PDB file of N, CA and C in Angstrom:
ATOM      1  N   UNK A   1       0.851  -1.165   0.000  1.00  0.00           N
ATOM      2  CA  UNK A   1       0.000   0.000   0.000  1.00  0.00           C
ATOM      3  C   UNK A   1       0.903   1.237   0.000  1.00  0.00           C
ATOM      4  N   UNK A   2       0.720   2.136  -0.956  1.00  0.00           N
ATOM      5  CA  UNK A   2       1.561   3.333  -1.018  1.00  0.00           C
ATOM      6  C   UNK A   2       1.344   4.242   0.188  1.00  0.00           C
ATOM      7  N   UNK A   3       2.417   4.841   0.649  1.00  0.00           N
ATOM      8  CA  UNK A   3       2.369   5.807   1.738  1.00  0.00           C
ATOM      9  C   UNK A   3       2.905   7.124   1.183  1.00  0.00           C
ATOM     10  N   UNK A   4       2.120   8.168   1.325  1.00  0.00           N
ATOM     11  CA  UNK A   4       2.515   9.486   0.841  1.00  0.00           C
ATOM     12  C   UNK A   4       2.587  10.460   1.998  1.00  0.00           C
ATOM     13  N   UNK A   5       3.547  11.380   1.935  1.00  0.00           N
ATOM     14  CA  UNK A   5       3.658  12.432   2.928  1.00  0.00           C
ATOM     15  C   UNK A   5       3.322  13.760   2.264  1.00  0.00           C
ATOM     16  N   UNK A   6       2.565  14.585   2.983  1.00  0.00           N
ATOM     17  CA  UNK A   6       2.135  15.880   2.478  1.00  0.00           C
ATOM     18  C   UNK A   6       2.404  16.949   3.523  1.00  0.00           C
ATOM     19  N   UNK A   7       2.551  18.189   3.026  1.00  0.00           N
ATOM     20  CA  UNK A   7       2.752  19.339   3.903  1.00  0.00           C
ATOM     21  C   UNK A   7       1.723  20.401   3.563  1.00  0.00           C
ATOM     22  N   UNK A   8       1.130  20.983   4.605  1.00  0.00           N
ATOM     23  CA  UNK A   8       0.169  22.060   4.421  1.00  0.00           C
ATOM     24  C   UNK A   8       0.859  23.366   4.793  1.00  0.00           C
ATOM     25  N   UNK A   9       1.038  24.233   3.820  1.00  0.00           N
ATOM     26  CA  UNK A   9       1.690  25.523   4.062  1.00  0.00           C
ATOM     27  C   UNK A   9       0.921  26.424   5.011  1.00  0.00           C
ATOM     28  N   UNK A  10      -0.391  26.624   4.780  1.00  0.00           N
ATOM     29  CA  UNK A  10      -1.131  27.548   5.640  1.00  0.00           C
ATOM     30  C   UNK A  10      -1.157  27.146   7.120  1.00  0.00           C
ATOM     31  N   UNK A  11      -1.400  25.882   7.428  1.00  0.00           N
ATOM     32  CA  UNK A  11      -1.494  25.503   8.853  1.00  0.00           C
ATOM     33  C   UNK A  11      -0.283  24.704   9.332  1.00  0.00           C
ATOM     34  N   UNK A  12       0.687  24.492   8.457  1.00  0.00           N
ATOM     35  CA  UNK A  12       1.979  23.860   8.784  1.00  0.00           C
ATOM     36  C   UNK A  12       1.865  22.454   9.348  1.00  0.00           C
ATOM     37  N   UNK A  13       0.883  21.711   8.918  1.00  0.00           N
ATOM     38  CA  UNK A  13       0.743  20.313   9.324  1.00  0.00           C
ATOM     39  C   UNK A  13       1.479  19.425   8.329  1.00  0.00           C
ATOM     40  N   UNK A  14       2.078  18.380   8.840  1.00  0.00           N
ATOM     41  CA  UNK A  14       2.682  17.355   7.990  1.00  0.00           C
ATOM     42  C   UNK A  14       1.821  16.120   8.168  1.00  0.00           C
ATOM     43  N   UNK A  15       1.357  15.544   7.067  1.00  0.00           N
ATOM     44  CA  UNK A  15       0.453  14.407   7.127  1.00  0.00           C
ATOM     45  C   UNK A  15       1.033  13.223   6.372  1.00  0.00           C
ATOM     46  N   UNK A  16       0.777  12.038   6.886  1.00  0.00           N
ATOM     47  CA  UNK A  16       1.113  10.798   6.202  1.00  0.00           C
ATOM     48  C   UNK A  16      -0.200  10.158   5.806  1.00  0.00           C
ATOM     49  N   UNK A  17      -0.327   9.850   4.523  1.00  0.00           N
ATOM     50  CA  UNK A  17      -1.579   9.299   4.020  1.00  0.00           C
ATOM     51  C   UNK A  17      -1.305   7.948   3.375  1.00  0.00           C
ATOM     52  N   UNK A  18      -2.052   6.951   3.818  1.00  0.00           N
ATOM     53  CA  UNK A  18      -1.985   5.623   3.223  1.00  0.00           C
ATOM     54  C   UNK A  18      -3.036   5.579   2.128  1.00  0.00           C
ATOM     55  N   UNK A  19      -2.627   5.161   0.950  1.00  0.00           N
ATOM     56  CA  UNK A  19      -3.541   5.159  -0.184  1.00  0.00           C
ATOM     57  C   UNK A  19      -3.723   3.744  -0.709  1.00  0.00           C
ATOM     58  N   UNK A  20      -4.963   3.429  -1.089  1.00  0.00           N
ATOM     59  CA  UNK A  20      -5.225   2.102  -1.658  1.00  0.00           C
ATOM     60  C   UNK A  20      -4.761   2.020  -3.104  1.00  0.00           C
ATOM     61  N   UNK A  21      -4.568   3.167  -3.734  1.00  0.00           N
ATOM     62  CA  UNK A  21      -4.139   3.193  -5.126  1.00  0.00           C
ATOM     63  C   UNK A  21      -2.979   4.166  -5.283  1.00  0.00           C
ATOM     64  N   UNK A  22      -2.269   4.028  -6.382  1.00  0.00           N
ATOM     65  CA  UNK A  22      -1.230   4.987  -6.721  1.00  0.00           C
ATOM     66  C   UNK A  22      -1.926   6.136  -7.422  1.00  0.00           C
ATOM     67  N   UNK A  23      -1.854   7.306  -6.859  1.00  0.00           N
ATOM     68  CA  UNK A  23      -2.572   8.413  -7.474  1.00  0.00           C
ATOM     69  C   UNK A  23      -1.800   9.702  -7.368  1.00  0.00           C
ATOM     70  N   UNK A  24      -2.194  10.650  -8.202  1.00  0.00           N
ATOM     71  CA  UNK A  24      -1.539  11.951  -8.183  1.00  0.00           C
ATOM     72  C   UNK A  24      -2.563  13.072  -8.066  1.00  0.00           C
ATOM     73  N   UNK A  25      -3.780  12.734  -7.642  1.00  0.00           N
ATOM     74  CA  UNK A  25      -4.816  13.752  -7.509  1.00  0.00           C
ATOM     75  C   UNK A  25      -4.525  14.693  -6.359  1.00  0.00           C
ATOM     76  N   UNK A  26      -5.233  15.815  -6.345  1.00  0.00           N
ATOM     77  CA  UNK A  26      -5.053  16.781  -5.275  1.00  0.00           C
ATOM     78  C   UNK A  26      -5.589  16.230  -3.961  1.00  0.00           C
ATOM     79  N   UNK A  27      -4.870  16.546  -2.908  1.00  0.00           N
ATOM     80  CA  UNK A  27      -5.276  16.142  -1.569  1.00  0.00           C
ATOM     81  C   UNK A  27      -5.432  17.410  -0.755  1.00  0.00           C
ATOM     82  N   UNK A  28      -6.518  17.501  -0.001  1.00  0.00           N
ATOM     83  CA  UNK A  28      -6.746  18.711   0.791  1.00  0.00           C
ATOM     84  C   UNK A  28      -6.478  18.431   2.267  1.00  0.00           C
ATOM     85  N   UNK A  29      -6.087  19.470   2.967  1.00  0.00           N
ATOM     86  CA  UNK A  29      -5.783  19.384   4.383  1.00  0.00           C
ATOM     87  C   UNK A  29      -7.074  19.178   5.170  1.00  0.00           C
ATOM     88  N   UNK A  30      -7.093  18.210   6.062  1.00  0.00           N
ATOM     89  CA  UNK A  30      -8.295  17.983   6.865  1.00  0.00           C
ATOM     90  C   UNK A  30      -8.528  19.089   7.900  1.00  0.00           C
ATOM     91  N   UNK A  31      -7.516  19.927   8.155  1.00  0.00           N
ATOM     92  CA  UNK A  31      -7.642  20.983   9.158  1.00  0.00           C
ATOM     93  C   UNK A  31      -8.146  22.299   8.566  1.00  0.00           C
ATOM     94  N   UNK A  32      -7.571  22.685   7.393  1.00  0.00           N
ATOM     95  CA  UNK A  32      -7.932  23.997   6.836  1.00  0.00           C
ATOM     96  C   UNK A  32      -8.451  23.935   5.399  1.00  0.00           C
ATOM     97  N   UNK A  33      -8.507  22.737   4.832  1.00  0.00           N
ATOM     98  CA  UNK A  33      -9.016  22.497   3.474  1.00  0.00           C
ATOM     99  C   UNK A  33      -8.132  23.061   2.363  1.00  0.00           C
ATOM    100  N   UNK A  34      -6.894  23.472   2.679  1.00  0.00           N
ATOM    101  CA  UNK A  34      -5.962  23.939   1.642  1.00  0.00           C
ATOM    102  C   UNK A  34      -5.420  22.734   0.886  1.00  0.00           C
ATOM    103  N   UNK A  35      -4.980  22.955  -0.356  1.00  0.00           N
ATOM    104  CA  UNK A  35      -4.387  21.876  -1.145  1.00  0.00           C
ATOM    105  C   UNK A  35      -2.994  21.594  -0.579  1.00  0.00           C
ATOM    106  N   UNK A  36      -2.730  20.323  -0.322  1.00  0.00           N
ATOM    107  CA  UNK A  36      -1.454  19.917   0.264  1.00  0.00           C
ATOM    108  C   UNK A  36      -0.379  19.755  -0.790  1.00  0.00           C
ATOM    109  N   UNK A  37       0.862  19.985  -0.374  1.00  0.00           N
ATOM    110  CA  UNK A  37       2.020  19.785  -1.232  1.00  0.00           C
ATOM    111  C   UNK A  37       2.608  18.421  -0.896  1.00  0.00           C
ATOM    112  N   UNK A  38       2.773  17.576  -1.901  1.00  0.00           N
ATOM    113  CA  UNK A  38       3.334  16.243  -1.667  1.00  0.00           C
ATOM    114  C   UNK A  38       4.836  16.355  -1.471  1.00  0.00           C
ATOM    115  N   UNK A  39       5.345  15.676  -0.451  1.00  0.00           N
ATOM    116  CA  UNK A  39       6.767  15.692  -0.126  1.00  0.00           C
ATOM    117  C   UNK A  39       7.464  14.487  -0.734  1.00  0.00           C
ATOM    118  N   UNK A  40       8.747  14.636  -0.940  1.00  0.00           N
ATOM    119  CA  UNK A  40       9.547  13.500  -1.380  1.00  0.00           C
ATOM    120  C   UNK A  40       9.904  12.719  -0.131  1.00  0.00           C
ATOM    121  N   UNK A  41       9.483  11.484  -0.055  1.00  0.00           N
ATOM    122  CA  UNK A  41       9.693  10.653   1.134  1.00  0.00           C
ATOM    123  C   UNK A  41      10.865   9.715   0.940  1.00  0.00           C
ATOM    124  N   UNK A  42      11.546   9.458   2.028  1.00  0.00           N
ATOM    125  CA  UNK A  42      12.606   8.460   1.994  1.00  0.00           C
ATOM    126  C   UNK A  42      12.015   7.120   2.411  1.00  0.00           C
ATOM    127  N   UNK A  43      12.733   6.073   2.171  1.00  0.00           N
ATOM    128  CA  UNK A  43      12.271   4.755   2.562  1.00  0.00           C
ATOM    129  C   UNK A  43      13.466   3.917   2.954  1.00  0.00           C
ATOM    130  N   UNK A  44      13.184   2.847   3.632  1.00  0.00           N
ATOM    131  CA  UNK A  44      14.225   1.968   4.154  1.00  0.00           C
ATOM    132  C   UNK A  44      14.098   0.603   3.504  1.00  0.00           C
ATOM    133  N   UNK A  45      15.226   0.064   3.077  1.00  0.00           N
ATOM    134  CA  UNK A  45      15.235  -1.309   2.574  1.00  0.00           C
ATOM    135  C   UNK A  45      16.162  -2.122   3.454  1.00  0.00           C
ATOM    136  N   UNK A  46      15.807  -3.354   3.653  1.00  0.00           N
ATOM    137  CA  UNK A  46      16.636  -4.239   4.455  1.00  0.00           C
ATOM    138  C   UNK A  46      17.556  -5.031   3.547  1.00  0.00           C
ATOM    139  N   UNK A  47      18.697  -5.372   4.092  1.00  0.00           N
ATOM    140  CA  UNK A  47      19.595  -6.250   3.356  1.00  0.00           C
ATOM    141  C   UNK A  47      18.979  -7.642   3.322  1.00  0.00           C
ATOM    142  N   UNK A  48      19.291  -8.364   2.271  1.00  0.00           N
ATOM    143  CA  UNK A  48      18.845  -9.753   2.222  1.00  0.00           C
ATOM    144  C   UNK A  48      19.758 -10.569   3.135  1.00  0.00           C
ATOM    145  N   UNK A  49      19.288 -11.737   3.542  1.00  0.00           N
ATOM    146  CA  UNK A  49      20.128 -12.586   4.388  1.00  0.00           C
ATOM    147  C   UNK A  49      21.416 -12.962   3.659  1.00  0.00           C
ATOM    148  N   UNK A  50      21.342 -13.108   2.344  1.00  0.00           N
ATOM    149  CA  UNK A  50      22.538 -13.418   1.574  1.00  0.00           C
ATOM    150  C   UNK A  50      23.576 -12.309   1.726  1.00  0.00           C
ATOM    151  N   UNK A  51      23.132 -11.030   1.665  1.00  0.00           N
ATOM    152  CA  UNK A  51      24.045  -9.904   1.852  1.00  0.00           C
ATOM    153  C   UNK A  51      24.644  -9.909   3.258  1.00  0.00           C
ATOM    154  N   UNK A  52      23.812 -10.228   4.246  1.00  0.00           N
ATOM    155  CA  UNK A  52      24.285 -10.267   5.627  1.00  0.00           C
ATOM    156  C   UNK A  52      25.325 -11.368   5.791  1.00  0.00           C
ATOM    157  N   UNK A  53      25.037 -12.565   5.261  1.00  0.00           N
ATOM    158  CA  UNK A  53      25.992 -13.671   5.349  1.00  0.00           C
ATOM    159  C   UNK A  53      27.318 -13.307   4.686  1.00  0.00           C
ATOM    160  N   UNK A  54      27.243 -12.688   3.514  1.00  0.00           N
ATOM    161  CA  UNK A  54      28.476 -12.305   2.815  1.00  0.00           C
ATOM    162  C   UNK A  54      29.275 -11.314   3.646  1.00  0.00           C
ATOM    163  N   UNK A  55      28.567 -10.374   4.297  1.00  0.00           N
ATOM    164  CA  UNK A  55      29.259  -9.410   5.151  1.00  0.00           C
ATOM    165  C   UNK A  55      29.948 -10.086   6.322  1.00  0.00           C
ATOM    166  N   UNK A  56      29.284 -11.050   6.920  1.00  0.00           N
ATOM    167  CA  UNK A  56      29.865 -11.773   8.053  1.00  0.00           C
ATOM    168  C   UNK A  56      31.063 -12.589   7.590  1.00  0.00           C
ATOM    169  N   UNK A  57      30.898 -13.319   6.493  1.00  0.00           N
ATOM    170  CA  UNK A  57      31.977 -14.190   6.017  1.00  0.00           C
ATOM    171  C   UNK A  57      33.179 -13.408   5.505  1.00  0.00           C
ATOM    172  N   UNK A  58      32.978 -12.161   5.096  1.00  0.00           N
ATOM    173  CA  UNK A  58      34.108 -11.358   4.617  1.00  0.00           C
ATOM    174  C   UNK A  58      34.871 -10.712   5.782  1.00  0.00           C
ATOM    175  N   UNK A  59      34.325 -10.797   6.991  1.00  0.00           N
ATOM    176  CA  UNK A  59      34.984 -10.247   8.171  1.00  0.00           C
ATOM    177  C   UNK A  59      35.811 -11.357   8.833  1.00  0.00           C
ATOM    178  N   UNK A  60      37.098 -11.403   8.498  1.00  0.00           N
ATOM    179  CA  UNK A  60      37.964 -12.488   8.979  1.00  0.00           C
ATOM    180  C   UNK A  60      38.023 -12.563  10.495  1.00  0.00           C
ATOM    181  N   UNK A  61      38.076 -11.418  11.181  1.00  0.00           N
ATOM    182  CA  UNK A  61      38.150 -11.422  12.641  1.00  0.00           C
ATOM    183  C   UNK A  61      36.891 -12.037  13.243  1.00  0.00           C
ATOM    184  N   UNK A  62      35.753 -11.706  12.687  1.00  0.00           N
ATOM    185  CA  UNK A  62      34.499 -12.254  13.202  1.00  0.00           C
ATOM    186  C   UNK A  62      34.434 -13.764  12.976  1.00  0.00           C
ATOM    187  N   UNK A  63      34.818 -14.204  11.797  1.00  0.00           N
ATOM    188  CA  UNK A  63      34.797 -15.642  11.493  1.00  0.00           C
ATOM    189  C   UNK A  63      35.741 -16.394  12.432  1.00  0.00           C
ATOM    190  N   UNK A  64      36.939 -15.849  12.664  1.00  0.00           N
ATOM    191  CA  UNK A  64      37.880 -16.500  13.591  1.00  0.00           C
ATOM    192  C   UNK A  64      37.283 -16.569  14.997  1.00  0.00           C
ATOM    193  N   UNK A  65      36.613 -15.509  15.422  1.00  0.00           N
ATOM    194  CA  UNK A  65      35.978 -15.503  16.732  1.00  0.00           C
ATOM    195  C   UNK A  65      34.872 -16.537  16.822  1.00  0.00           C
ATOM    196  N   UNK A  66      34.089 -16.689  15.766  1.00  0.00           N
ATOM    197  CA  UNK A  66      33.027 -17.691  15.760  1.00  0.00           C
ATOM    198  C   UNK A  66      33.607 -19.102  15.833  1.00  0.00           C
ATOM    199  N   UNK A  67      34.705 -19.335  15.138  1.00  0.00           N
ATOM    200  CA  UNK A  67      35.346 -20.654  15.153  1.00  0.00           C
ATOM    201  C   UNK A  67      35.860 -20.970  16.562  1.00  0.00           C
ATOM    202  N   UNK A  68      36.356 -19.938  17.284  1.00  0.00           N
ATOM    203  CA  UNK A  68      36.864 -20.125  18.652  1.00  0.00           C
ATOM    204  C   UNK A  68      35.749 -20.133  19.697  1.00  0.00           C
ATOM    205  N   UNK A  69      34.495 -19.991  19.281  1.00  0.00           N
ATOM    206  CA  UNK A  69      33.358 -19.878  20.213  1.00  0.00           C
ATOM    207  C   UNK A  69      33.509 -18.675  21.140  1.00  0.00           C
ATOM    208  N   UNK A  70      34.045 -17.586  20.604  1.00  0.00           N
ATOM    209  CA  UNK A  70      34.204 -16.355  21.369  1.00  0.00           C
ATOM    210  C   UNK A  70      32.823 -15.725  21.591  1.00  0.00           C
ATOM    211  N   UNK A  71      32.415 -15.523  22.857  1.00  0.00           N
ATOM    212  CA  UNK A  71      31.091 -14.951  23.128  1.00  0.00           C
ATOM    213  C   UNK A  71      30.871 -13.591  22.462  1.00  0.00           C
ATOM    214  N   UNK A  72      31.912 -12.769  22.416  1.00  0.00           N
ATOM    215  CA  UNK A  72      31.780 -11.445  21.791  1.00  0.00           C
ATOM    216  C   UNK A  72      31.487 -11.586  20.292  1.00  0.00           C
ATOM    217  N   UNK A  73      32.096 -12.560  19.639  1.00  0.00           N
ATOM    218  CA  UNK A  73      31.840 -12.794  18.223  1.00  0.00           C
ATOM    219  C   UNK A  73      30.410 -13.272  18.006  1.00  0.00           C
ATOM    220  N   UNK A  74      29.911 -14.092  18.934  1.00  0.00           N
ATOM    221  CA  UNK A  74      28.525 -14.561  18.830  1.00  0.00           C
ATOM    222  C   UNK A  74      27.547 -13.399  18.966  1.00  0.00           C
ATOM    223  N   UNK A  75      27.846 -12.459  19.865  1.00  0.00           N
ATOM    224  CA  UNK A  75      26.997 -11.278  20.026  1.00  0.00           C
ATOM    225  C   UNK A  75      27.019 -10.454  18.736  1.00  0.00           C
ATOM    226  N   UNK A  76      28.197 -10.248  18.183  1.00  0.00           N
ATOM    227  CA  UNK A  76      28.306  -9.465  16.949  1.00  0.00           C
ATOM    228  C   UNK A  76      27.574 -10.160  15.804  1.00  0.00           C
ATOM    229  N   UNK A  77      27.710 -11.474  15.692  1.00  0.00           N
ATOM    230  CA  UNK A  77      26.998 -12.232  14.660  1.00  0.00           C
ATOM    231  C   UNK A  77      25.491 -12.031  14.815  1.00  0.00           C
ATOM    232  N   UNK A  78      25.006 -12.122  16.047  1.00  0.00           N
ATOM    233  CA  UNK A  78      23.576 -11.957  16.301  1.00  0.00           C
ATOM    234  C   UNK A  78      23.092 -10.562  15.897  1.00  0.00           C
ATOM    235  N   UNK A  79      23.861  -9.543  16.249  1.00  0.00           N
ATOM    236  CA  UNK A  79      23.476  -8.168  15.888  1.00  0.00           C
ATOM    237  C   UNK A  79      23.372  -8.010  14.377  1.00  0.00           C
ATOM    238  N   UNK A  80      24.314  -8.586  13.668  1.00  0.00           N
ATOM    239  CA  UNK A  80      24.283  -8.468  12.209  1.00  0.00           C
ATOM    240  C   UNK A  80      23.127  -9.262  11.606  1.00  0.00           C
ATOM    241  N   UNK A  81      22.836 -10.421  12.177  1.00  0.00           N
ATOM    242  CA  UNK A  81      21.760 -11.247  11.626  1.00  0.00           C
ATOM    243  C   UNK A  81      20.384 -10.646  11.876  1.00  0.00           C
ATOM    244  N   UNK A  82      20.178 -10.014  13.033  1.00  0.00           N
ATOM    245  CA  UNK A  82      18.867  -9.446  13.339  1.00  0.00           C
ATOM    246  C   UNK A  82      18.669  -8.086  12.696  1.00  0.00           C
ATOM    247  N   UNK A  83      19.734  -7.488  12.171  1.00  0.00           N
ATOM    248  CA  UNK A  83      19.672  -6.210  11.470  1.00  0.00           C
ATOM    249  C   UNK A  83      18.971  -5.130  12.297  1.00  0.00           C
ATOM    250  N   UNK A  84      19.250  -5.115  13.590  1.00  0.00           N
ATOM    251  CA  UNK A  84      18.718  -4.068  14.449  1.00  0.00           C
ATOM    252  C   UNK A  84      17.361  -4.326  15.070  1.00  0.00           C
ATOM    253  N   UNK A  85      16.729  -5.443  14.752  1.00  0.00           N
ATOM    254  CA  UNK A  85      15.430  -5.745  15.364  1.00  0.00           C
ATOM    255  C   UNK A  85      15.628  -6.188  16.803  1.00  0.00           C
ATOM    256  N   UNK A  86      14.658  -5.873  17.647  1.00  0.00           N
ATOM    257  CA  UNK A  86      14.727  -6.244  19.066  1.00  0.00           C
ATOM    258  C   UNK A  86      14.452  -7.742  19.201  1.00  0.00           C
ATOM    259  N   UNK A  87      15.353  -8.457  19.880  1.00  0.00           N
ATOM    260  CA  UNK A  87      15.149  -9.900  20.048  1.00  0.00           C
ATOM    261  C   UNK A  87      14.090 -10.210  21.105  1.00  0.00           C
ATOM    262  N   UNK A  88      13.642 -11.445  21.122  1.00  0.00           N
ATOM    263  CA  UNK A  88      12.702 -11.916  22.144  1.00  0.00           C
ATOM    264  C   UNK A  88      13.376 -11.817  23.510  1.00  0.00           C
ATOM    265  N   UNK A  89      12.591 -11.642  24.593  1.00  0.00           N
ATOM    266  CA  UNK A  89      13.183 -11.469  25.931  1.00  0.00           C
ATOM    267  C   UNK A  89      14.169 -12.568  26.338  1.00  0.00           C
ATOM    268  N   UNK A  90      13.822 -13.831  26.065  1.00  0.00           N
ATOM    269  CA  UNK A  90      14.742 -14.907  26.462  1.00  0.00           C
ATOM    270  C   UNK A  90      16.025 -14.878  25.641  1.00  0.00           C
ATOM    271  N   UNK A  91      15.933 -14.440  24.404  1.00  0.00           N
ATOM    272  CA  UNK A  91      17.112 -14.312  23.548  1.00  0.00           C
ATOM    273  C   UNK A  91      17.945 -13.117  24.013  1.00  0.00           C
ATOM    274  N   UNK A  92      17.270 -12.044  24.407  1.00  0.00           N
ATOM    275  CA  UNK A  92      17.953 -10.850  24.882  1.00  0.00           C
ATOM    276  C   UNK A  92      18.767 -11.152  26.144  1.00  0.00           C
ATOM    277  N   UNK A  93      18.212 -11.999  27.037  1.00  0.00           N
ATOM    278  CA  UNK A  93      18.931 -12.388  28.250  1.00  0.00           C
ATOM    279  C   UNK A  93      20.204 -13.150  27.898  1.00  0.00           C
ATOM    280  N   UNK A  94      20.096 -14.060  26.945  1.00  0.00           N
ATOM    281  CA  UNK A  94      21.263 -14.841  26.539  1.00  0.00           C
ATOM    282  C   UNK A  94      22.330 -13.924  25.932  1.00  0.00           C
ATOM    283  N   UNK A  95      21.905 -12.965  25.119  1.00  0.00           N
ATOM    284  CA  UNK A  95      22.864 -12.040  24.504  1.00  0.00           C
ATOM    285  C   UNK A  95      23.562 -11.218  25.587  1.00  0.00           C
ATOM    286  N   UNK A  96      22.786 -10.788  26.595  1.00  0.00           N
ATOM    287  CA  UNK A  96      23.383 -10.043  27.702  1.00  0.00           C
ATOM    288  C   UNK A  96      24.447 -10.842  28.421  1.00  0.00           C
ATOM    289  N   UNK A  97      24.195 -12.121  28.627  1.00  0.00           N
ATOM    290  CA  UNK A  97      25.177 -12.984  29.286  1.00  0.00           C
ATOM    291  C   UNK A  97      26.409 -13.173  28.413  1.00  0.00           C
ATOM    292  N   UNK A  98      26.204 -13.300  27.106  1.00  0.00           N
ATOM    293  CA  UNK A  98      27.346 -13.430  26.196  1.00  0.00           C
ATOM    294  C   UNK A  98      28.191 -12.157  26.210  1.00  0.00           C
ATOM    295  N   UNK A  99      27.531 -11.005  26.258  1.00  0.00           N
ATOM    296  CA  UNK A  99      28.270  -9.741  26.268  1.00  0.00           C
ATOM    297  C   UNK A  99      29.130  -9.611  27.516  1.00  0.00           C
ATOM    298  N   UNK A 100      28.681 -10.209  28.619  1.00  0.00           N
ATOM    299  CA  UNK A 100      29.437 -10.159  29.871  1.00  0.00           C
ATOM    300  C   UNK A 100      30.467 -11.278  29.943  1.00  0.00           C
ATOM    301  N   UNK A 101      30.574 -12.067  28.876  1.00  0.00           N
ATOM    302  CA  UNK A 101      31.494 -13.206  28.835  1.00  0.00           C
ATOM    303  C   UNK A 101      31.123 -14.289  29.829  1.00  0.00           C
ATOM    304  N   UNK A 102      29.853 -14.343  30.211  1.00  0.00           N
ATOM    305  CA  UNK A 102      29.377 -15.385  31.112  1.00  0.00           C
ATOM    306  C   UNK A 102      29.032 -16.602  30.274  1.00  0.00           C
ATOM    307  N   UNK A 103      29.456 -17.769  30.689  1.00  0.00           N
ATOM    308  CA  UNK A 103      29.101 -18.956  29.910  1.00  0.00           C
ATOM    309  C   UNK A 103      27.587 -19.107  29.786  1.00  0.00           C
ATOM    310  N   UNK A 104      27.169 -19.504  28.621  1.00  0.00           N
ATOM    311  CA  UNK A 104      25.754 -19.725  28.350  1.00  0.00           C
ATOM    312  C   UNK A 104      25.494 -21.210  28.472  1.00  0.00           C
ATOM    313  N   UNK A 105      24.445 -21.547  29.221  1.00  0.00           N
ATOM    314  CA  UNK A 105      24.093 -22.959  29.358  1.00  0.00           C
ATOM    315  C   UNK A 105      23.557 -23.458  28.032  1.00  0.00           C
ATOM    316  N   UNK A 106      24.164 -24.512  27.551  1.00  0.00           N
ATOM    317  CA  UNK A 106      23.714 -25.097  26.295  1.00  0.00           C
ATOM    318  C   UNK A 106      22.851 -26.307  26.621  1.00  0.00           C
ATOM    319  N   UNK A 107      21.768 -26.488  25.878  1.00  0.00           N
ATOM    320  CA  UNK A 107      20.923 -27.657  26.153  1.00  0.00           C
ATOM    321  C   UNK A 107      21.699 -28.942  25.899  1.00  0.00           C
ATOM    322  N   UNK A 108      21.394 -29.943  26.699  1.00  0.00           N
ATOM    323  CA  UNK A 108      22.026 -31.248  26.506  1.00  0.00           C
ATOM    324  C   UNK A 108      21.548 -31.844  25.208  1.00  0.00           C
ATOM    325  N   UNK A 109      22.465 -32.383  24.398  1.00  0.00           N
ATOM    326  CA  UNK A 109      22.023 -33.011  23.142  1.00  0.00           C
ATOM    327  C   UNK A 109      21.246 -34.285  23.459  1.00  0.00           C
ATOM    328  N   UNK A 110      20.324 -34.661  22.599  1.00  0.00           N
ATOM    329  CA  UNK A 110      19.584 -35.907  22.843  1.00  0.00           C
ATOM    330  C   UNK A 110      20.549 -37.091  22.794  1.00  0.00           C
ATOM    331  N   UNK A 111      20.270 -38.137  23.571  1.00  0.00           N
ATOM    332  CA  UNK A 111      21.173 -39.293  23.573  1.00  0.00           C
ATOM    333  C   UNK A 111      21.226 -39.922  22.188  1.00  0.00           C
ATOM    334  N   UNK A 112      22.421 -40.368  21.844  1.00  0.00           N
ATOM    335  CA  UNK A 112      22.564 -41.012  20.541  1.00  0.00           C
ATOM    336  C   UNK A 112      21.948 -42.399  20.588  1.00  0.00           C
ATOM    337  N   UNK A 113      21.503 -42.910  19.457  1.00  0.00           N
ATOM    338  CA  UNK A 113      20.897 -44.251  19.436  1.00  0.00           C
ATOM    339  C   UNK A 113      21.853 -45.329  19.920  1.00  0.00           C
ATOM    340  N   UNK A 114      23.163 -45.117  19.730  1.00  0.00           N
ATOM    341  CA  UNK A 114      24.137 -46.120  20.144  1.00  0.00           C
ATOM    342  C   UNK A 114      24.277 -46.183  21.655  1.00  0.00           C
ATOM    343  N   UNK A 115      23.890 -45.113  22.374  1.00  0.00           N
ATOM    344  CA  UNK A 115      24.058 -45.065  23.811  1.00  0.00           C
ATOM    345  C   UNK A 115      23.227 -46.144  24.528  1.00  0.00           C
ATOM    346  N   UNK A 116      22.107 -46.539  23.958  1.00  0.00           N
ATOM    347  CA  UNK A 116      21.255 -47.550  24.577  1.00  0.00           C
ATOM    348  C   UNK A 116      21.746 -48.959  24.363  1.00  0.00           C
ATOM    349  N   UNK A 117      22.737 -49.147  23.519  1.00  0.00           N
ATOM    350  CA  UNK A 117      23.207 -50.522  23.230  1.00  0.00           C
ATOM    351  C   UNK A 117      24.254 -50.981  24.182  1.00  0.00           C
TER     352      UNK A 117
END
């Protein structure tokens, strides 16, 4: 759905309008009924996971840290993978512990089938 930003000169309101169609018709201010001026809006695009992976793999220090199980490298990897999104609370707690270099409890792996023999 297109999002347009408009500015009203007479009453100095800035409005964001969601439109069901792409249109260029005149839009009037809901406050003073003046014709609004459409603004040039910026937008944000996210990197694809492929771009993120390439960035991580091209960072030799980060890759070496991941191979060594360095907690700081794991935190940096997580930040790059989430691209700035806020993690779930339980994930956030784990990241906090990694940042403090506190060992993270890893779940026990399931017993192998050979263990019962």
